[in-house]
Structures are given as structure tokens and as C-alpha cells.
Amino acid sequence: MFKNLPSGERYLYRLFSLIENGSLTVINPEGKVFQFGDTNSATSIKLNIRNPKTYDRVLSFGSLGFGEAYMEGWWDEENDDVVGLLELFHREKVYEKAREKPSLALIIKVLSQRLSTVPTNLNNSRKNVQHHYDLGNDFYQHFLDSTWTYSCGYQQHPSDSLEKMQLQKYELICQKLGLKAGESLVDVGCGWGGMLIYAAEHYGITGTGITLSVEQAKLARKRIEEKGLSDRITIAITDYRELTGKFDKFVSVGMFEHVGKGSFTTFMEKTRDFLKPDGIGLLHTIATESDERNGPWVEKYIFPGGYLPKFYELTTELSQAKLMVAHCENLKPHYAETLHRWTENFLKNKDKISALSDTYDERFMRMWYLYLQSCEASFNTGSLQVYQLLFINGREWNLGRPTSFGTPLKARQSTNSSTGKLPEPVNS
């Protein structure tokens, strides 16, 4: 069927021939139509390939080339349903087949990228984080919510707003940690300070947050000052390997993905050192079931140096650091919904974002749209997971007998910062 087509086009269509459940219509640059899968399927995707360079880019660089071709405007889904297209690829194992025989060009490009961004080097860690998180607070404010939270939310009801999902995530973590007034909490990878602000206002803790992003630290300190919490929360621009101190509780949300496989052990040992004896910690991280840890496109354009762990690596490293796992929860569908909300905000504010800087040109905007859509697809039907692992620094169980976590969020008044006294919950 594809015998007379150029090699790149022939290669791509052979991959699409794996599709059995779902319908994919491809219109090539000459206007020829190719049909794959079940034409009677309720899932119908239309891929318009506008530039023939797409085929050779994919042949040479696989998913990296496919992503780059999208950034250049060489292909589109007819209804901008990129997430639907990528979900179809995940379900029908198109990605897996494409990864079986990576080209030499792709191998060389990936290895070169990884050598220049390996996060076991402190300078690389700083550059990697700043590449993504120092894009500018003005950029992130247009698709995040008012809590400035850039990690998986926690949806309890379909009608939950994005802001409520994030507050419910913070409440869930606070419940799991069993936070009490006067306790000290360290947040490794604190972002814009949302977790510490919530814990200080509602649970009366004192907190230390660290980030390698100058922009995040600047805004986090401003937010903390505006809420009158500067005497209880400190934000430092430093690497976790450089921080010292002992704390009652530990939390890290969405940071472990930047640690790198070569530093897994170091991170867990530092976590143990941060915690007082019998101290409690929670690690919230994206993980994967795939042998491809982050994907070459994401590594190059979104998260240089990123490396997603597998579940067994998390539990093994925690155990070897003498940190006892007490509870684990997978929030996979919650992150898919969070990403869906971010994409809605991103599209709604697309013109505002583009107007912020010449840097945010059409290629940049397509890159970010593809990033958000591909992540949503990976949490819906792909190999991405997101775990919350609760652990104890020691072998003595000190969590009592918890029945459940994540009870509905109650409306609260802020904690009195001068007394540290907790407010009484108010009925919703």
C-alpha cells in the first residue's frame, strides 16, 4: 500500500497501521487521504501534515522529530485535539513501536543533551531549573490559579475549581503529615511557596522552603510578606545538597523529577538527615512505567536533565536510606484533570501571554501547547503516574491508626500568626 511512497512517509504510515481501535485520517501535503484503524470508531482523529519535511524528521528523530515538526507548524490535528491524537498513539502502542529501533542520529542527539544537563552537577541543576521556572512569573500567572501551584491538584468533585483542587491537595498533604502547631516543616522545591503558606495559615507550622529558581523565590517571599508570615517562613535559593538543619516534617512536591538517577541515593540520604528521629516526610513525584524516562522532546525543550523514577526505585531508595514507607497513593487521574485546566487557561490567555515578550512567539506557544497536551495524554492513557509516598525516619510506627486521608476541605480562617493557635473549622 505504501510501497511507492518516500521512505519517511512510508515509515510513519507503517506505525499508524498499528491502530486497530480508533480512527486516524491522515491528509498528506499533496492532499492524499490515508485511513487507519476502524472507520466506524467513535474516536476519530484527523492529522493534517502540511510539510513533507515532517516525514524525514520523524524517521531520523522519532518522537523528538514529531514534536519539533509540530513546533514548526508542519502538522496539526484538524480540531486542535492534540491530546486525542496522542492518547490514540498511547492506547495503540504506536510510541512503543517507534522506540524499538532508535536511529543513530537520535541516539547521538539524546546522549549529547543528557551529558550537558546531567543534574548530579550542581551548576547543571541550577541551569536546568532556571531554564523552565525562570521563564517569568508573568508567564505562569496566566495559566495557574491564584495559589500559584504548579503541580498535580486533588479533585474531590467534578465541579471543583482549579484553585480548590490545589487547596485540597495541600490539605491532603497536611493530613498525611499529621502537622501540628509549632512543628517545623522543610519544603524541598517549594515553588512559589503555596504549600508552606497553606501549612502555616491552617496548621501553625514554621517553615523553610528551598528553590533554585530566582523568579520563584522572589515572588514566594513577596507572597509570604503580604500574608504576614515572614517571621515563620523562610525561602532560600539553594540546592537540597547544600541545605542543613533538622525538621519535624519534610515535604517535596514535584521536585524529585529534577534530581537525576545518579542522585537518587543522595536525595534520600539528605531527606533522612533533614528529619529528626521519627520525623515524617512526604514525597510527591511523577513516575513512569516506561523505559523512556522523560522523552527526548521533553528533555530538550521543557525539562532539561529531567529523569522520571519508577515506583520500585522510589521504595528501594527510601528503604535503603532507612526511611520506612507508611502509605502510598497514585493521583494519576487528578494530574490529567489538572493539566486539562491549565490548558484551558493557557488557551484563554494565549494573546496575553504572547504580548508579554517577543520570546513568546508562535513557535514557543505551540511548544507549550504540545507540552500540556502531551502530558495530559500521558496521564490519561500513557505510562505516567504521580505518587505520594508517606514515610517515617525510623522503624517505630508513630502515625496511630489513620482511617482515611483527604476528607473534604472545610472553609477555614487563617491561623493567628502571633499565637500559632489553630482556627476551628467552619462548616462548608
Protein backbone atom coordinates (compact mmCIF):
# COMPACT_ATOMS: atom_id res chain seq x y z
CA MET A 1 0.00 0.00 0.00
CA PHE A 2 2.85 2.39 0.85
CA LYS A 3 5.46 0.85 -1.48
CA ASN A 4 5.79 3.84 -3.80
CA LEU A 5 5.94 6.47 -1.07
CA PRO A 6 9.18 8.14 0.14
CA SER A 7 10.90 6.26 2.98
CA GLY A 8 9.99 8.74 5.72
CA GLU A 9 6.32 8.81 4.81
CA ARG A 10 6.28 5.04 4.43
CA TYR A 11 7.82 4.63 7.91
CA LEU A 12 5.25 6.87 9.59
CA TYR A 13 2.28 5.17 7.94
CA ARG A 14 3.54 1.74 8.93
CA LEU A 15 3.50 2.93 12.52
CA PHE A 16 -0.05 4.22 12.08
CA SER A 17 -1.02 0.82 10.70
CA LEU A 18 -0.76 -0.49 14.27
CA ILE A 19 -4.00 1.32 15.06
CA GLU A 20 -6.95 -1.04 15.38
CA ASN A 21 -9.26 0.66 17.88
CA GLY A 22 -9.98 4.24 16.92
CA SER A 23 -9.89 6.01 13.58
CA LEU A 24 -7.00 8.11 12.24
CA THR A 25 -7.31 10.00 8.98
CA VAL A 26 -4.09 11.45 7.55
CA ILE A 27 -4.06 14.09 4.83
CA ASN A 28 -0.58 14.47 3.35
CA PRO A 29 0.86 17.68 1.80
CA GLU A 30 -0.38 16.65 -1.66
CA GLY A 31 -3.91 16.28 -0.36
CA LYS A 32 -3.95 12.48 -0.49
CA VAL A 33 -6.01 10.82 2.23
CA PHE A 34 -4.90 7.74 4.17
CA GLN A 35 -7.19 5.92 6.60
CA PHE A 36 -6.01 3.87 9.60
CA GLY A 37 -7.91 1.88 12.21
CA ASP A 38 -11.65 1.37 12.49
CA THR A 39 -13.60 3.87 10.40
CA ASN A 40 -16.70 3.14 12.49
CA SER A 41 -14.98 4.05 15.75
CA ALA A 42 -16.38 6.82 17.91
CA THR A 43 -12.81 8.07 18.29
CA SER A 44 -11.98 9.92 15.08
CA ILE A 45 -8.77 11.92 14.70
CA LYS A 46 -7.67 13.87 11.62
CA LEU A 47 -3.99 14.61 11.14
CA ASN A 48 -3.09 17.25 8.56
CA ILE A 49 0.56 17.02 7.52
CA ARG A 50 1.38 20.30 5.80
CA ASN A 51 5.10 19.99 5.23
CA PRO A 52 6.76 16.89 3.75
CA LYS A 53 9.83 17.55 5.92
CA THR A 54 7.76 16.05 8.76
CA TYR A 55 8.38 12.53 7.49
CA ASP A 56 12.16 12.66 7.39
CA ARG A 57 12.25 14.47 10.75
CA VAL A 58 10.27 11.63 12.32
CA LEU A 59 12.35 8.98 10.53
CA SER A 60 15.57 10.50 11.90
CA PHE A 61 14.49 11.63 15.36
CA GLY A 62 11.29 9.76 16.28
CA SER A 63 9.07 11.48 18.86
CA LEU A 64 11.62 14.31 19.17
CA GLY A 65 11.25 15.00 15.46
CA PHE A 66 7.45 14.71 15.63
CA GLY A 67 7.37 17.32 18.40
CA GLU A 68 9.75 19.63 16.56
CA ALA A 69 7.65 19.35 13.42
CA TYR A 70 4.60 20.48 15.42
CA MET A 71 6.53 23.45 16.81
CA GLU A 72 7.38 24.48 13.25
CA GLY A 73 3.73 24.26 12.19
CA TRP A 74 4.33 21.32 9.87
CA TRP A 75 1.36 19.32 11.16
CA ASP A 76 -1.86 19.85 13.11
CA GLU A 77 -4.84 17.91 14.33
CA GLU A 78 -7.82 19.29 12.44
CA ASN A 79 -9.68 20.30 15.63
CA ASP A 80 -6.54 21.10 17.67
CA ASP A 81 -7.25 17.91 19.60
CA VAL A 82 -3.59 17.06 20.07
CA VAL A 83 -4.36 15.27 23.33
CA GLY A 84 -6.80 12.98 21.49
CA LEU A 85 -4.17 12.18 18.85
CA LEU A 86 -1.52 11.37 21.45
CA GLU A 87 -3.93 9.32 23.56
CA LEU A 88 -4.64 7.25 20.45
CA PHE A 89 -0.89 6.70 19.97
CA HIS A 90 -0.55 5.58 23.60
CA ARG A 91 -3.51 3.20 23.51
CA GLU A 92 -2.47 1.59 20.23
CA LYS A 93 1.23 1.25 21.21
CA VAL A 94 2.43 3.47 18.37
CA TYR A 95 5.02 5.12 20.65
CA GLU A 96 6.34 1.78 21.87
CA LYS A 97 6.87 0.50 18.34
CA ALA A 98 8.56 3.75 17.29
CA ARG A 99 11.09 3.39 20.14
CA GLU A 100 12.14 -0.16 19.27
CA LYS A 101 14.85 0.90 16.81
CA PRO A 102 16.04 4.45 17.52
CA SER A 103 18.21 5.94 14.80
CA LEU A 104 21.89 6.67 15.32
CA ALA A 105 21.16 10.38 14.85
CA LEU A 106 18.62 10.29 17.68
CA ILE A 107 20.96 8.35 19.99
CA ILE A 108 23.76 10.87 19.44
CA LYS A 109 21.43 13.84 19.99
CA VAL A 110 19.94 12.40 23.18
CA LEU A 111 23.33 11.48 24.66
CA SER A 112 24.72 14.93 23.89
CA GLN A 113 21.71 16.56 25.57
CA ARG A 114 21.98 14.39 28.67
CA LEU A 115 25.73 14.91 29.11
CA SER A 116 25.29 18.68 29.08
CA THR A 117 22.39 18.69 31.56
CA VAL A 118 23.16 15.83 33.99
CA PRO A 119 21.86 17.10 37.38
CA THR A 120 24.48 15.36 39.52
CA ASN A 121 26.44 18.54 38.74
CA LEU A 122 25.24 21.44 40.92
CA ASN A 123 25.70 24.04 38.18
CA ASN A 124 23.70 21.92 35.76
CA SER A 125 20.90 21.57 38.32
CA ARG A 126 20.67 25.34 38.60
CA LYS A 127 20.68 25.85 34.83
CA ASN A 128 18.11 23.09 34.30
CA VAL A 129 15.67 24.53 36.84
CA GLN A 130 16.13 28.11 35.68
CA HIS A 131 15.57 27.06 32.04
CA HIS A 132 11.99 26.17 32.92
CA TYR A 133 10.96 28.03 36.07
CA ASP A 134 12.61 31.37 35.33
CA LEU A 135 10.59 31.94 32.16
CA GLY A 136 8.87 34.64 34.18
CA ASN A 137 6.16 34.86 36.81
CA ASP A 138 4.10 36.91 34.37
CA PHE A 139 4.03 33.87 32.08
CA TYR A 140 2.93 31.33 34.71
CA GLN A 141 0.25 33.54 36.22
CA HIS A 142 -1.78 33.24 33.02
CA PHE A 143 -2.44 29.52 33.30
CA LEU A 144 -2.00 28.70 37.00
CA ASP A 145 -4.57 29.63 39.65
CA SER A 146 -4.34 32.16 42.47
CA THR A 147 -2.44 29.71 44.70
CA TRP A 148 0.47 29.75 42.20
CA THR A 149 0.67 25.97 42.32
CA TYR A 150 2.47 24.18 39.51
CA SER A 151 1.84 20.55 40.41
CA CYS A 152 -0.97 17.99 40.49
CA GLY A 153 -4.20 19.12 42.12
CA TYR A 154 -6.65 16.90 44.00
CA GLN A 155 -10.20 16.76 42.64
CA GLN A 156 -12.93 15.61 45.01
CA HIS A 157 -15.91 16.73 42.92
CA PRO A 158 -16.26 17.39 39.15
CA SER A 159 -17.28 20.99 39.89
CA ASP A 160 -14.09 21.75 41.84
CA SER A 161 -12.25 24.79 40.52
CA LEU A 162 -8.53 24.57 39.82
CA GLU A 163 -7.86 26.66 42.92
CA LYS A 164 -9.94 24.35 45.09
CA MET A 165 -8.17 21.30 43.65
CA GLN A 166 -4.82 22.77 44.70
CA LEU A 167 -6.03 23.71 48.19
CA GLN A 168 -7.41 20.19 48.59
CA LYS A 169 -4.00 18.82 47.57
CA TYR A 170 -2.33 20.93 50.26
CA GLU A 171 -4.90 19.79 52.81
CA LEU A 172 -4.36 16.16 51.82
CA ILE A 173 -0.61 16.50 52.36
CA CYS A 174 -1.07 18.27 55.70
CA GLN A 175 -3.37 15.48 56.89
CA LYS A 176 -0.93 12.79 55.82
CA LEU A 177 1.95 14.51 57.58
CA GLY A 178 -0.16 14.99 60.68
CA LEU A 179 1.02 18.59 61.02
CA LYS A 180 0.71 20.25 64.41
CA ALA A 181 1.10 23.84 65.55
CA GLY A 182 4.69 24.76 66.28
CA GLU A 183 6.24 21.99 64.18
CA SER A 184 8.97 22.78 61.67
CA LEU A 185 8.41 21.82 58.02
CA VAL A 186 11.01 21.84 55.24
CA ASP A 187 9.76 22.04 51.65
CA VAL A 188 12.37 20.94 49.09
CA GLY A 189 11.43 22.50 45.77
CA CYS A 190 8.94 24.96 47.28
CA GLY A 191 8.00 26.76 44.07
CA TRP A 192 6.08 29.95 44.80
CA GLY A 193 5.55 28.95 48.44
CA GLY A 194 1.97 27.69 48.28
CA MET A 195 2.45 24.57 50.39
CA LEU A 196 4.26 26.41 53.20
CA ILE A 197 1.78 29.29 53.18
CA TYR A 198 -1.15 26.88 53.47
CA ALA A 199 0.51 24.85 56.25
CA ALA A 200 1.42 27.99 58.20
CA GLU A 201 -2.02 29.56 57.90
CA HIS A 202 -4.03 26.43 58.68
CA TYR A 203 -1.73 24.29 60.83
CA GLY A 204 0.50 26.81 62.61
CA ILE A 205 3.86 25.44 61.45
CA THR A 206 7.15 27.23 60.89
CA GLY A 207 8.66 26.53 57.50
CA THR A 208 11.78 26.56 55.37
CA GLY A 209 11.47 26.36 51.60
CA ILE A 210 14.21 25.99 49.02
CA THR A 211 14.22 26.53 45.26
CA LEU A 212 16.84 27.09 42.58
CA SER A 213 14.57 29.50 40.70
CA VAL A 214 15.31 33.17 41.36
CA GLU A 215 11.93 34.20 39.98
CA GLN A 216 10.03 31.74 42.17
CA ALA A 217 11.90 32.79 45.31
CA LYS A 218 11.25 36.47 44.64
CA LEU A 219 7.50 36.02 44.34
CA ALA A 220 7.30 33.46 47.16
CA ARG A 221 8.92 35.93 49.58
CA LYS A 222 6.56 38.68 48.45
CA ARG A 223 3.50 36.48 48.98
CA ILE A 224 4.74 35.40 52.41
CA GLU A 225 5.34 39.02 53.43
CA GLU A 226 1.88 40.09 52.22
CA LYS A 227 0.30 37.40 54.40
CA GLY A 228 2.29 38.45 57.47
CA LEU A 229 4.18 35.17 57.64
CA SER A 230 7.76 36.39 57.19
CA ASP A 231 8.58 35.59 60.82
CA ARG A 232 7.53 31.96 60.31
CA ILE A 233 8.53 31.04 56.73
CA THR A 234 11.98 31.38 55.16
CA ILE A 235 12.72 30.90 51.46
CA ALA A 236 16.29 30.17 50.32
CA ILE A 237 17.75 29.91 46.82
CA THR A 238 19.85 26.83 47.33
CA ASP A 239 20.25 23.21 46.31
CA TYR A 240 18.99 20.46 48.60
CA ARG A 241 22.56 19.18 48.83
CA GLU A 242 23.65 22.49 50.37
CA LEU A 243 20.86 22.84 52.96
CA THR A 244 21.44 21.94 56.61
CA GLY A 245 19.13 21.69 59.60
CA LYS A 246 16.74 19.35 61.38
CA PHE A 247 12.97 19.45 60.95
CA ASP A 248 9.90 17.70 62.36
CA LYS A 249 8.35 17.18 58.93
CA PHE A 250 9.54 17.04 55.32
CA VAL A 251 7.71 17.58 52.04
CA SER A 252 8.75 17.71 48.41
CA VAL A 253 6.17 18.23 45.68
CA GLY A 254 7.11 17.92 42.02
CA MET A 255 10.84 18.36 42.52
CA PHE A 256 12.20 14.80 42.52
CA GLU A 257 11.77 14.64 38.73
CA HIS A 258 14.77 17.01 38.51
CA VAL A 259 17.10 15.03 40.78
CA GLY A 260 18.50 12.59 38.21
CA LYS A 261 19.07 8.86 38.63
CA GLY A 262 22.66 9.34 39.76
CA SER A 263 21.46 11.41 42.72
CA PHE A 264 18.52 9.30 43.93
CA THR A 265 20.56 7.93 46.83
CA THR A 266 21.96 11.34 47.75
CA PHE A 267 18.46 12.85 47.82
CA MET A 268 17.08 10.15 50.10
CA GLU A 269 20.05 10.33 52.45
CA LYS A 270 19.70 14.12 52.68
CA THR A 271 15.99 13.68 53.34
CA ARG A 272 16.79 11.35 56.25
CA ASP A 273 19.33 13.88 57.56
CA PHE A 274 16.76 16.69 57.42
CA LEU A 275 14.29 14.74 59.57
CA LYS A 276 14.50 14.45 63.32
CA PRO A 277 14.30 10.89 64.69
CA ASP A 278 10.79 9.54 64.00
CA GLY A 279 10.12 12.56 61.81
CA ILE A 280 7.59 12.16 59.00
CA GLY A 281 8.02 13.03 55.32
CA LEU A 282 6.03 13.01 52.11
CA LEU A 283 7.42 12.75 48.60
CA HIS A 284 5.08 13.75 45.76
CA THR A 285 6.56 12.92 42.36
CA ILE A 286 5.73 11.99 38.81
CA ALA A 287 6.89 8.48 37.94
CA THR A 288 6.76 6.29 34.87
CA GLU A 289 6.22 2.68 33.86
CA SER A 290 8.13 3.24 30.63
CA ASP A 291 11.81 2.59 29.99
CA GLU A 292 11.92 6.01 28.32
CA ARG A 293 12.18 8.19 31.39
CA ASN A 294 11.18 11.61 30.10
CA GLY A 295 11.19 11.51 26.32
CA PRO A 296 13.81 13.29 24.19
CA TRP A 297 11.48 16.15 23.19
CA VAL A 298 10.61 16.99 26.80
CA GLU A 299 14.28 16.69 27.79
CA LYS A 300 15.39 19.10 25.10
CA TYR A 301 12.69 21.76 25.22
CA ILE A 302 10.87 21.57 28.55
CA PHE A 303 12.77 19.88 31.39
CA PRO A 304 16.49 19.51 30.60
CA GLY A 305 18.09 16.99 32.93
CA GLY A 306 14.72 15.56 33.97
CA TYR A 307 14.53 11.87 34.84
CA LEU A 308 11.35 10.16 35.96
CA PRO A 309 11.72 7.36 38.53
CA LYS A 310 9.96 4.03 38.52
CA PHE A 311 7.92 3.05 41.55
CA TYR A 312 10.28 0.30 42.69
CA GLU A 313 13.20 2.74 42.59
CA LEU A 314 11.38 5.09 44.95
CA THR A 315 10.58 2.41 47.50
CA THR A 316 14.03 0.82 47.21
CA GLU A 317 15.86 4.10 47.73
CA LEU A 318 13.63 5.06 50.66
CA SER A 319 14.24 1.69 52.30
CA GLN A 320 18.00 1.86 51.78
CA ALA A 321 18.01 5.31 53.41
CA LYS A 322 16.22 3.72 56.41
CA LEU A 323 13.03 5.65 55.70
CA MET A 324 10.01 3.41 56.28
CA VAL A 325 7.19 3.74 53.74
CA ALA A 326 3.89 4.11 55.58
CA HIS A 327 1.41 4.97 52.85
CA CYS A 328 1.27 5.40 49.07
CA GLU A 329 -1.34 6.91 46.78
CA ASN A 330 -1.40 7.32 43.00
CA LEU A 331 -3.03 10.58 41.83
CA LYS A 332 -2.75 9.79 38.11
CA PRO A 333 -6.28 10.90 37.04
CA HIS A 334 -6.02 14.02 39.19
CA TYR A 335 -2.99 15.21 37.23
CA ALA A 336 -4.74 14.62 33.90
CA GLU A 337 -7.55 16.88 35.11
CA THR A 338 -5.10 19.49 36.42
CA LEU A 339 -3.35 19.63 33.05
CA HIS A 340 -6.69 19.94 31.29
CA ARG A 341 -7.48 23.02 33.41
CA TRP A 342 -4.05 24.52 32.73
CA THR A 343 -4.56 24.07 29.00
CA GLU A 344 -7.94 25.80 29.18
CA ASN A 345 -6.33 28.77 30.95
CA PHE A 346 -3.40 28.78 28.53
CA LEU A 347 -5.69 28.97 25.51
CA LYS A 348 -7.95 31.57 27.11
CA ASN A 349 -4.96 33.81 27.81
CA LYS A 350 -2.96 33.00 24.68
CA ASP A 351 -2.98 36.56 23.37
CA LYS A 352 -2.00 37.99 26.77
CA ILE A 353 0.92 35.56 27.03
CA SER A 354 2.13 36.34 23.50
CA ALA A 355 2.05 40.06 24.27
CA LEU A 356 4.37 39.68 27.27
CA SER A 357 7.56 39.20 25.29
CA ASP A 358 8.94 38.66 21.80
CA THR A 359 10.27 35.38 23.21
CA TYR A 360 6.72 34.05 23.38
CA ASP A 361 6.37 33.73 19.60
CA GLU A 362 4.21 31.26 17.68
CA ARG A 363 6.84 28.51 17.90
CA PHE A 364 7.08 28.94 21.69
CA MET A 365 3.30 28.91 22.08
CA ARG A 366 2.98 25.75 20.00
CA MET A 367 5.74 24.16 22.07
CA TRP A 368 3.91 24.85 25.31
CA TYR A 369 0.55 23.75 23.94
CA LEU A 370 2.11 20.46 22.83
CA TYR A 371 3.76 20.05 26.24
CA LEU A 372 0.48 20.50 28.13
CA GLN A 373 -1.46 18.29 25.72
CA SER A 374 1.16 15.52 25.67
CA CYS A 375 1.32 15.41 29.47
CA GLU A 376 -2.47 15.22 29.76
CA ALA A 377 -2.49 12.37 27.25
CA SER A 378 0.28 10.54 29.11
CA PHE A 379 -1.61 10.72 32.41
CA ASN A 380 -4.87 9.67 30.75
CA THR A 381 -3.66 6.70 28.70
CA GLY A 382 0.14 6.63 28.86
CA SER A 383 2.76 5.45 31.32
CA LEU A 384 2.90 8.50 33.61
CA GLN A 385 1.89 8.13 37.26
CA VAL A 386 2.08 10.56 40.18
CA TYR A 387 2.75 9.13 43.63
CA GLN A 388 2.53 10.49 47.13
CA LEU A 389 4.74 8.39 49.41
CA LEU A 390 4.48 8.95 53.15
CA PHE A 391 7.45 7.76 55.19
CA ILE A 392 8.97 7.78 58.68
CA ASN A 393 12.57 8.38 59.69
CA GLY A 394 12.93 5.22 61.74
CA ARG A 395 11.32 1.86 62.30
CA GLU A 396 8.86 2.84 65.03
CA TRP A 397 5.32 3.41 63.79
CA ASN A 398 4.15 6.78 65.09
CA LEU A 399 1.16 7.53 62.85
CA GLY A 400 -1.53 5.99 65.04
CA ARG A 401 -4.20 4.19 63.04
CA PRO A 402 -5.36 6.62 60.34
CA THR A 403 -8.68 5.71 58.74
CA SER A 404 -8.55 7.85 55.61
CA PHE A 405 -6.92 10.90 54.15
CA GLY A 406 -8.40 13.66 52.05
CA THR A 407 -11.61 14.37 53.96
CA PRO A 408 -13.48 17.25 52.32
CA LEU A 409 -11.78 20.61 52.65
CA LYS A 410 -13.50 22.87 55.14
CA ALA A 411 -13.58 26.63 54.95
CA ARG A 412 -11.02 27.92 57.43
CA GLN A 413 -9.97 31.20 58.92
CA SER A 414 -6.25 31.94 58.89
CA THR A 415 -4.18 30.79 61.85
CA ASN A 416 -3.30 33.59 64.24
CA SER A 417 0.39 34.02 63.36
CA SER A 418 1.24 35.56 66.73
CA THR A 419 -0.19 32.76 68.87
CA GLY A 420 0.08 29.84 66.46
CA LYS A 421 -3.39 28.78 67.63
CA LEU A 422 -5.35 26.79 65.09
CA PRO A 423 -8.76 28.04 63.98
CA GLU A 424 -11.86 25.93 64.42
CA PRO A 425 -13.15 24.52 61.12
CA VAL A 426 -16.22 26.25 59.76
CA ASN A 427 -18.89 24.17 58.06
CA SER A 428 -18.82 24.49 54.27
